């Protein structure tokens, strides 16, 4: 008898378990100290299965750090609200997505993690920036400025847990950051 097409295959469940264990282990131990054996143990599988599906630790890390920032469509918004929408969106993501926070931790301690975070933000923030900035040739620079604000606050508030950054309400964070992000995205070149 054939399984229904909607039933997940065992390999899909194994891959998913490996990725969950890898994300948790990379977050807890960082890239350098996380091991294939520890990840396999956490996923309750043999280490050879990790190697079978992901090849090596670097391949596993790339798969575990695949992040879709799920940036909202900004084209229909009035241009003056883009900064506020982005800051609000990222606060939601940082507060509800442990993977993103884990990747930030790895990114500040490991070159592979830093490269992964650079790629994610360059691709996804870059695409938004091209659509809203007045000078498309400046999009990459403007995306870097936006990322500096988003990642800086995330680092201070969710990783380092810097007291004043943690104590601020969401509304206060949005009120302070949104105008800066807005300026980076839409202001004329200084």
Foldseek 3Di string as FASTA:
>chain_A
DDDDPPDDDPLVVLLVLLLVLLLVQCLVPALVPRALCSSCVSSVHDSVSVCVVQVGSLSSVLVSLDDDLCQDDCVVPDLLCNLLSVLLSLVVCLVPPSSVLSLLVNLVVDVSSVVSVCVNQQVPLLVVLCVFEPDNVCSSVLSVQLCCLSSVLSCCCPPVNPPVSVPDDSVRSSVVRSVVNSCSRYNDDD
